Amino acid sequence: TNAEFLKEQPTDLDLRRLSLLYMRNEIREFALQLGLNSDDFDNLLHIEETETWKFEVVRKCRNSFALTFRHIKEVFERAEIPNIHRLCKLVKGDPIDFDKEPEKWDIVPTEKHIDKLAPLIGNNSLKFLIELEMEFNTWERINFRHTVERDLVKLNREILEEWRNTFCKMYNLKPTLRKIAQAFSKIDKNIKIVEDTLSDLF
């Protein structure tokens, strides 16, 4: 939480991360402290999914009050919402030396890569999806298909395939192992495990 960071305005990705760190009542208290009123909350009543609701609340706060990370820090401290150092989780992640072997990280993941990576995500499916910069409505759609058969590996594989085959094409992005590695680092996964798992495919 250095001075330069605190001056910045959070991006949508930052707000998605933030909304995952706090409970619904904490996000509500945060918004009230900033000045969001009952009408603002009423306009969000149609959103049933909790994670989407929390994200829309903090996004409304950012857009209404020109929110910076300093405002977030000060409001959380004033409202006594626990553990302000959770802010660090918005930007942290294990450093990855992509310069060492850049060609391997620029590989477009194949089905074999995805089959090996899906089990490593574990129960961090939603966080991982967010770190790939996909929307909460994508999570709702994919997760709904897995509500009966709770197979995490299948769920995580579908997230990776959705990102590679749909999201990246929609935004004209090249899907690379580099982006996947960055997402892993943000969900507290050791990149060495990723490298070891994919060693025979590099």
C-alpha atoms as a PDB file:
ATOM      1  CA  THR A   1       0.000   0.000   0.000  1.00  0.00           C
ATOM      2  CA  ASN A   2       2.693   2.512  -1.020  1.00  0.00           C
ATOM      3  CA  ALA A   3       1.842   6.095  -1.998  1.00  0.00           C
ATOM      4  CA  GLU A   4       1.844   5.548  -5.763  1.00  0.00           C
ATOM      5  CA  PHE A   5      -0.415   2.522  -5.520  1.00  0.00           C
ATOM      6  CA  LEU A   6      -2.875   4.342  -3.252  1.00  0.00           C
ATOM      7  CA  LYS A   7      -3.319   7.118  -5.838  1.00  0.00           C
ATOM      8  CA  GLU A   8      -4.511   4.675  -8.486  1.00  0.00           C
ATOM      9  CA  GLN A   9      -8.124   4.004  -9.364  1.00  0.00           C
ATOM     10  CA  PRO A  10      -9.001   0.296  -9.268  1.00  0.00           C
ATOM     11  CA  THR A  11      -9.727  -1.427 -12.549  1.00  0.00           C
ATOM     12  CA  ASP A  12     -12.650  -3.796 -13.055  1.00  0.00           C
ATOM     13  CA  LEU A  13     -10.233  -6.671 -12.438  1.00  0.00           C
ATOM     14  CA  ASP A  14      -9.129  -5.100  -9.139  1.00  0.00           C
ATOM     15  CA  LEU A  15     -12.774  -4.703  -8.113  1.00  0.00           C
ATOM     16  CA  ARG A  16     -13.566  -8.321  -8.972  1.00  0.00           C
ATOM     17  CA  ARG A  17     -10.661  -9.398  -6.787  1.00  0.00           C
ATOM     18  CA  LEU A  18     -11.781  -7.063  -4.008  1.00  0.00           C
ATOM     19  CA  SER A  19     -15.346  -8.360  -4.099  1.00  0.00           C
ATOM     20  CA  LEU A  20     -14.051 -11.892  -3.520  1.00  0.00           C
ATOM     21  CA  LEU A  21     -12.109 -10.873  -0.416  1.00  0.00           C
ATOM     22  CA  TYR A  22     -15.049  -9.599   1.641  1.00  0.00           C
ATOM     23  CA  MET A  23     -18.434 -10.811   2.810  1.00  0.00           C
ATOM     24  CA  ARG A  24     -21.683  -9.314   1.507  1.00  0.00           C
ATOM     25  CA  ASN A  25     -22.337  -7.374   4.739  1.00  0.00           C
ATOM     26  CA  GLU A  26     -18.786  -5.950   4.695  1.00  0.00           C
ATOM     27  CA  ILE A  27     -19.202  -4.747   1.117  1.00  0.00           C
ATOM     28  CA  ARG A  28     -22.543  -3.176   2.065  1.00  0.00           C
ATOM     29  CA  GLU A  29     -20.969  -1.376   5.033  1.00  0.00           C
ATOM     30  CA  PHE A  30     -18.110  -0.198   2.813  1.00  0.00           C
ATOM     31  CA  ALA A  31     -20.597   1.257   0.291  1.00  0.00           C
ATOM     32  CA  LEU A  32     -22.669   2.951   3.001  1.00  0.00           C
ATOM     33  CA  GLN A  33     -19.555   4.568   4.454  1.00  0.00           C
ATOM     34  CA  LEU A  34     -18.774   6.005   1.030  1.00  0.00           C
ATOM     35  CA  GLY A  35     -22.260   7.445   0.661  1.00  0.00           C
ATOM     36  CA  LEU A  36     -24.213   4.919  -1.411  1.00  0.00           C
ATOM     37  CA  ASN A  37     -27.904   5.318  -0.510  1.00  0.00           C
ATOM     38  CA  SER A  38     -30.867   2.958  -0.274  1.00  0.00           C
ATOM     39  CA  ASP A  39     -32.024   3.797  -3.823  1.00  0.00           C
ATOM     40  CA  ASP A  40     -28.645   2.689  -5.153  1.00  0.00           C
ATOM     41  CA  PHE A  41     -28.999  -0.648  -3.368  1.00  0.00           C
ATOM     42  CA  ASP A  42     -32.601  -1.024  -4.564  1.00  0.00           C
ATOM     43  CA  ASN A  43     -31.397  -0.691  -8.157  1.00  0.00           C
ATOM     44  CA  LEU A  44     -29.205  -3.766  -7.606  1.00  0.00           C
ATOM     45  CA  LEU A  45     -31.904  -5.967  -6.058  1.00  0.00           C
ATOM     46  CA  HIS A  46     -32.387  -7.839  -9.346  1.00  0.00           C
ATOM     47  CA  ILE A  47     -28.914  -9.382  -8.974  1.00  0.00           C
ATOM     48  CA  GLU A  48     -29.337 -12.693  -7.184  1.00  0.00           C
ATOM     49  CA  GLU A  49     -25.794 -14.076  -7.366  1.00  0.00           C
ATOM     50  CA  THR A  50     -23.810 -12.810  -4.365  1.00  0.00           C
ATOM     51  CA  GLU A  51     -20.429 -12.435  -6.061  1.00  0.00           C
ATOM     52  CA  THR A  52     -21.941 -10.468  -8.938  1.00  0.00           C
ATOM     53  CA  TRP A  53     -23.865  -8.249  -6.497  1.00  0.00           C
ATOM     54  CA  LYS A  54     -20.723  -7.464  -4.487  1.00  0.00           C
ATOM     55  CA  PHE A  55     -18.818  -6.593  -7.652  1.00  0.00           C
ATOM     56  CA  GLU A  56     -21.596  -4.319  -8.937  1.00  0.00           C
ATOM     57  CA  VAL A  57     -21.752  -2.523  -5.569  1.00  0.00           C
ATOM     58  CA  VAL A  58     -18.026  -1.732  -5.488  1.00  0.00           C
ATOM     59  CA  ARG A  59     -18.060  -0.810  -9.183  1.00  0.00           C
ATOM     60  CA  LYS A  60     -20.932   1.607  -8.533  1.00  0.00           C
ATOM     61  CA  CYS A  61     -18.884   3.103  -5.699  1.00  0.00           C
ATOM     62  CA  ARG A  62     -15.865   3.582  -7.951  1.00  0.00           C
ATOM     63  CA  ASN A  63     -17.882   5.175 -10.728  1.00  0.00           C
ATOM     64  CA  SER A  64     -19.904   7.406  -8.378  1.00  0.00           C
ATOM     65  CA  PHE A  65     -17.102   8.617  -6.118  1.00  0.00           C
ATOM     66  CA  ALA A  66     -13.956   8.477  -8.341  1.00  0.00           C
ATOM     67  CA  LEU A  67     -12.628   5.851  -5.959  1.00  0.00           C
ATOM     68  CA  THR A  68      -8.890   5.315  -5.452  1.00  0.00           C
ATOM     69  CA  PHE A  69      -7.125   2.665  -3.403  1.00  0.00           C
ATOM     70  CA  ARG A  70      -6.518   5.340  -0.741  1.00  0.00           C
ATOM     71  CA  HIS A  71     -10.289   5.843  -0.378  1.00  0.00           C
ATOM     72  CA  ILE A  72     -10.749   2.089  -0.048  1.00  0.00           C
ATOM     73  CA  LYS A  73      -8.045   1.870   2.627  1.00  0.00           C
ATOM     74  CA  GLU A  74      -9.432   4.821   4.603  1.00  0.00           C
ATOM     75  CA  VAL A  75     -13.038   3.590   4.478  1.00  0.00           C
ATOM     76  CA  PHE A  76     -12.094   0.087   5.582  1.00  0.00           C
ATOM     77  CA  GLU A  77     -10.115   1.492   8.498  1.00  0.00           C
ATOM     78  CA  ARG A  78     -12.911   3.876   9.492  1.00  0.00           C
ATOM     79  CA  ALA A  79     -15.577   1.198   9.290  1.00  0.00           C
ATOM     80  CA  GLU A  80     -13.332  -1.285  11.112  1.00  0.00           C
ATOM     81  CA  ILE A  81     -13.741  -3.827   8.333  1.00  0.00           C
ATOM     82  CA  PRO A  82     -11.082  -6.417   9.148  1.00  0.00           C
ATOM     83  CA  ASN A  83      -7.622  -6.848   7.690  1.00  0.00           C
ATOM     84  CA  ILE A  84      -6.883  -3.863   5.479  1.00  0.00           C
ATOM     85  CA  HIS A  85      -3.796  -5.731   4.271  1.00  0.00           C
ATOM     86  CA  ARG A  86      -6.129  -7.749   2.078  1.00  0.00           C
ATOM     87  CA  LEU A  87      -5.603  -4.827  -0.307  1.00  0.00           C
ATOM     88  CA  CYS A  88      -2.159  -6.241  -0.982  1.00  0.00           C
ATOM     89  CA  LYS A  89      -3.807  -9.347  -2.393  1.00  0.00           C
ATOM     90  CA  LEU A  90      -5.109  -7.248  -5.268  1.00  0.00           C
ATOM     91  CA  VAL A  91      -1.634  -6.784  -6.698  1.00  0.00           C
ATOM     92  CA  LYS A  92       0.482  -9.536  -5.207  1.00  0.00           C
ATOM     93  CA  GLY A  93       1.620 -12.682  -6.938  1.00  0.00           C
ATOM     94  CA  ASP A  94       4.800 -14.705  -7.194  1.00  0.00           C
ATOM     95  CA  PRO A  95       7.344 -13.045  -9.502  1.00  0.00           C
ATOM     96  CA  ILE A  96       7.745 -15.052 -12.706  1.00  0.00           C
ATOM     97  CA  ASP A  97      10.932 -14.899 -14.743  1.00  0.00           C
ATOM     98  CA  PHE A  98       9.441 -14.922 -18.226  1.00  0.00           C
ATOM     99  CA  ASP A  99      12.711 -13.621 -19.716  1.00  0.00           C
ATOM    100  CA  LYS A 100      14.549 -16.821 -18.868  1.00  0.00           C
ATOM    101  CA  GLU A 101      12.694 -18.966 -21.416  1.00  0.00           C
ATOM    102  CA  PRO A 102      10.149 -16.665 -23.094  1.00  0.00           C
ATOM    103  CA  GLU A 103       9.394 -19.077 -25.926  1.00  0.00           C
ATOM    104  CA  LYS A 104       7.862 -21.678 -23.613  1.00  0.00           C
ATOM    105  CA  TRP A 105       5.526 -19.181 -21.930  1.00  0.00           C
ATOM    106  CA  ASP A 106       4.302 -17.886 -25.287  1.00  0.00           C
ATOM    107  CA  ILE A 107       2.986 -21.322 -26.263  1.00  0.00           C
ATOM    108  CA  VAL A 108      -0.760 -21.496 -26.942  1.00  0.00           C
ATOM    109  CA  PRO A 109      -2.096 -24.186 -24.569  1.00  0.00           C
ATOM    110  CA  THR A 110      -3.228 -27.423 -26.186  1.00  0.00           C
ATOM    111  CA  GLU A 111      -5.741 -29.962 -24.900  1.00  0.00           C
ATOM    112  CA  LYS A 112      -2.826 -31.778 -23.240  1.00  0.00           C
ATOM    113  CA  HIS A 113      -1.770 -28.592 -21.411  1.00  0.00           C
ATOM    114  CA  ILE A 114      -5.329 -28.021 -20.237  1.00  0.00           C
ATOM    115  CA  ASP A 115      -5.709 -31.623 -19.043  1.00  0.00           C
ATOM    116  CA  LYS A 116      -2.592 -31.218 -16.900  1.00  0.00           C
ATOM    117  CA  LEU A 117      -3.407 -27.746 -15.582  1.00  0.00           C
ATOM    118  CA  ALA A 118      -7.073 -28.252 -14.636  1.00  0.00           C
ATOM    119  CA  PRO A 119      -6.373 -30.413 -11.541  1.00  0.00           C
ATOM    120  CA  LEU A 120      -3.870 -27.848 -10.215  1.00  0.00           C
ATOM    121  CA  ILE A 121      -6.542 -25.149  -9.909  1.00  0.00           C
ATOM    122  CA  GLY A 122      -8.386 -27.168  -7.257  1.00  0.00           C
ATOM    123  CA  ASN A 123     -11.213 -25.317  -5.513  1.00  0.00           C
ATOM    124  CA  ASN A 124      -9.939 -21.907  -6.680  1.00  0.00           C
ATOM    125  CA  SER A 125     -12.122 -22.049  -9.803  1.00  0.00           C
ATOM    126  CA  LEU A 126     -13.831 -18.664  -9.402  1.00  0.00           C
ATOM    127  CA  LYS A 127     -10.643 -16.824  -8.423  1.00  0.00           C
ATOM    128  CA  PHE A 128      -8.818 -18.381 -11.354  1.00  0.00           C
ATOM    129  CA  LEU A 129     -11.569 -17.381 -13.787  1.00  0.00           C
ATOM    130  CA  ILE A 130     -11.402 -13.804 -12.502  1.00  0.00           C
ATOM    131  CA  GLU A 131      -7.607 -13.710 -12.897  1.00  0.00           C
ATOM    132  CA  LEU A 132      -8.107 -14.716 -16.532  1.00  0.00           C
ATOM    133  CA  GLU A 133     -10.220 -11.496 -16.665  1.00  0.00           C
ATOM    134  CA  MET A 134     -13.504 -13.199 -17.429  1.00  0.00           C
ATOM    135  CA  GLU A 135     -16.823 -11.917 -16.075  1.00  0.00           C
ATOM    136  CA  PHE A 136     -18.936 -13.218 -13.205  1.00  0.00           C
ATOM    137  CA  ASN A 137     -21.740 -14.084 -15.641  1.00  0.00           C
ATOM    138  CA  THR A 138     -19.328 -16.500 -17.345  1.00  0.00           C
ATOM    139  CA  TRP A 139     -18.748 -18.116 -13.969  1.00  0.00           C
ATOM    140  CA  GLU A 140     -22.485 -18.404 -13.337  1.00  0.00           C
ATOM    141  CA  ARG A 141     -23.047 -20.047 -16.707  1.00  0.00           C
ATOM    142  CA  ILE A 142     -20.202 -22.559 -16.382  1.00  0.00           C
ATOM    143  CA  ASN A 143     -20.828 -23.314 -12.711  1.00  0.00           C
ATOM    144  CA  PHE A 144     -24.547 -23.915 -13.357  1.00  0.00           C
ATOM    145  CA  ARG A 145     -23.679 -26.763 -15.713  1.00  0.00           C
ATOM    146  CA  HIS A 146     -21.734 -28.431 -12.909  1.00  0.00           C
ATOM    147  CA  THR A 147     -24.197 -28.041 -10.024  1.00  0.00           C
ATOM    148  CA  VAL A 148     -25.219 -31.720 -10.100  1.00  0.00           C
ATOM    149  CA  GLU A 149     -21.897 -33.363 -10.860  1.00  0.00           C
ATOM    150  CA  ARG A 150     -19.424 -31.488  -8.677  1.00  0.00           C
ATOM    151  CA  ASP A 151     -16.300 -32.495 -10.556  1.00  0.00           C
ATOM    152  CA  LEU A 152     -13.747 -29.727  -9.973  1.00  0.00           C
ATOM    153  CA  VAL A 153     -11.370 -30.971 -12.639  1.00  0.00           C
ATOM    154  CA  LYS A 154     -14.109 -30.887 -15.296  1.00  0.00           C
ATOM    155  CA  LEU A 155     -15.213 -27.447 -14.081  1.00  0.00           C
ATOM    156  CA  ASN A 156     -11.667 -26.087 -14.241  1.00  0.00           C
ATOM    157  CA  ARG A 157     -11.066 -27.639 -17.641  1.00  0.00           C
ATOM    158  CA  GLU A 158     -14.180 -25.921 -18.970  1.00  0.00           C
ATOM    159  CA  ILE A 159     -12.999 -22.580 -17.573  1.00  0.00           C
ATOM    160  CA  LEU A 160      -9.668 -22.957 -19.374  1.00  0.00           C
ATOM    161  CA  GLU A 161     -11.362 -24.010 -22.603  1.00  0.00           C
ATOM    162  CA  GLU A 162     -13.837 -21.123 -22.402  1.00  0.00           C
ATOM    163  CA  TRP A 163     -10.951 -18.696 -21.939  1.00  0.00           C
ATOM    164  CA  ARG A 164      -8.862 -20.169 -24.761  1.00  0.00           C
ATOM    165  CA  ASN A 165     -11.598 -20.825 -27.318  1.00  0.00           C
ATOM    166  CA  THR A 166     -14.129 -18.056 -26.645  1.00  0.00           C
ATOM    167  CA  PHE A 167     -12.849 -15.204 -24.474  1.00  0.00           C
ATOM    168  CA  CYS A 168      -9.503 -14.740 -26.231  1.00  0.00           C
ATOM    169  CA  LYS A 169     -11.080 -14.943 -29.682  1.00  0.00           C
ATOM    170  CA  MET A 170     -13.774 -12.442 -28.693  1.00  0.00           C
ATOM    171  CA  TYR A 171     -11.158  -9.893 -27.589  1.00  0.00           C
ATOM    172  CA  ASN A 172      -8.578 -10.799 -30.243  1.00  0.00           C
ATOM    173  CA  LEU A 173      -6.070 -11.975 -27.644  1.00  0.00           C
ATOM    174  CA  LYS A 174      -3.456 -14.672 -27.984  1.00  0.00           C
ATOM    175  CA  PRO A 175      -4.083 -17.310 -25.292  1.00  0.00           C
ATOM    176  CA  THR A 176      -0.692 -18.173 -23.839  1.00  0.00           C
ATOM    177  CA  LEU A 177       0.730 -20.173 -20.960  1.00  0.00           C
ATOM    178  CA  ARG A 178       2.167 -16.848 -19.745  1.00  0.00           C
ATOM    179  CA  LYS A 179      -1.308 -15.552 -18.877  1.00  0.00           C
ATOM    180  CA  ILE A 180      -2.241 -18.848 -17.234  1.00  0.00           C
ATOM    181  CA  ALA A 181       0.955 -18.768 -15.155  1.00  0.00           C
ATOM    182  CA  GLN A 182       0.155 -15.218 -14.025  1.00  0.00           C
ATOM    183  CA  ALA A 183      -3.332 -16.344 -12.987  1.00  0.00           C
ATOM    184  CA  PHE A 184      -1.848 -19.206 -10.977  1.00  0.00           C
ATOM    185  CA  SER A 185       0.506 -16.834  -9.155  1.00  0.00           C
ATOM    186  CA  LYS A 186      -2.447 -14.681  -8.088  1.00  0.00           C
ATOM    187  CA  ILE A 187      -4.298 -17.599  -6.487  1.00  0.00           C
ATOM    188  CA  ASP A 188      -1.309 -18.528  -4.320  1.00  0.00           C
ATOM    189  CA  LYS A 189      -0.160 -21.381  -6.499  1.00  0.00           C
ATOM    190  CA  ASN A 190       3.582 -22.014  -6.791  1.00  0.00           C
ATOM    191  CA  ILE A 191       4.646 -21.531 -10.422  1.00  0.00           C
ATOM    192  CA  LYS A 192       7.313 -24.222  -9.960  1.00  0.00           C
ATOM    193  CA  ILE A 193       4.463 -26.733  -9.676  1.00  0.00           C
ATOM    194  CA  VAL A 194       3.066 -25.489 -12.983  1.00  0.00           C
ATOM    195  CA  GLU A 195       6.481 -25.749 -14.647  1.00  0.00           C
ATOM    196  CA  ASP A 196       7.075 -29.241 -13.284  1.00  0.00           C
ATOM    197  CA  THR A 197       3.606 -30.370 -14.377  1.00  0.00           C
ATOM    198  CA  LEU A 198       4.137 -29.108 -17.914  1.00  0.00           C
ATOM    199  CA  SER A 199       7.840 -29.968 -18.209  1.00  0.00           C
ATOM    200  CA  ASP A 200       7.282 -32.741 -20.746  1.00  0.00           C
ATOM    201  CA  LEU A 201       5.086 -30.455 -22.883  1.00  0.00           C
ATOM    202  CA  PHE A 202       7.428 -27.456 -23.079  1.00  0.00           C
END
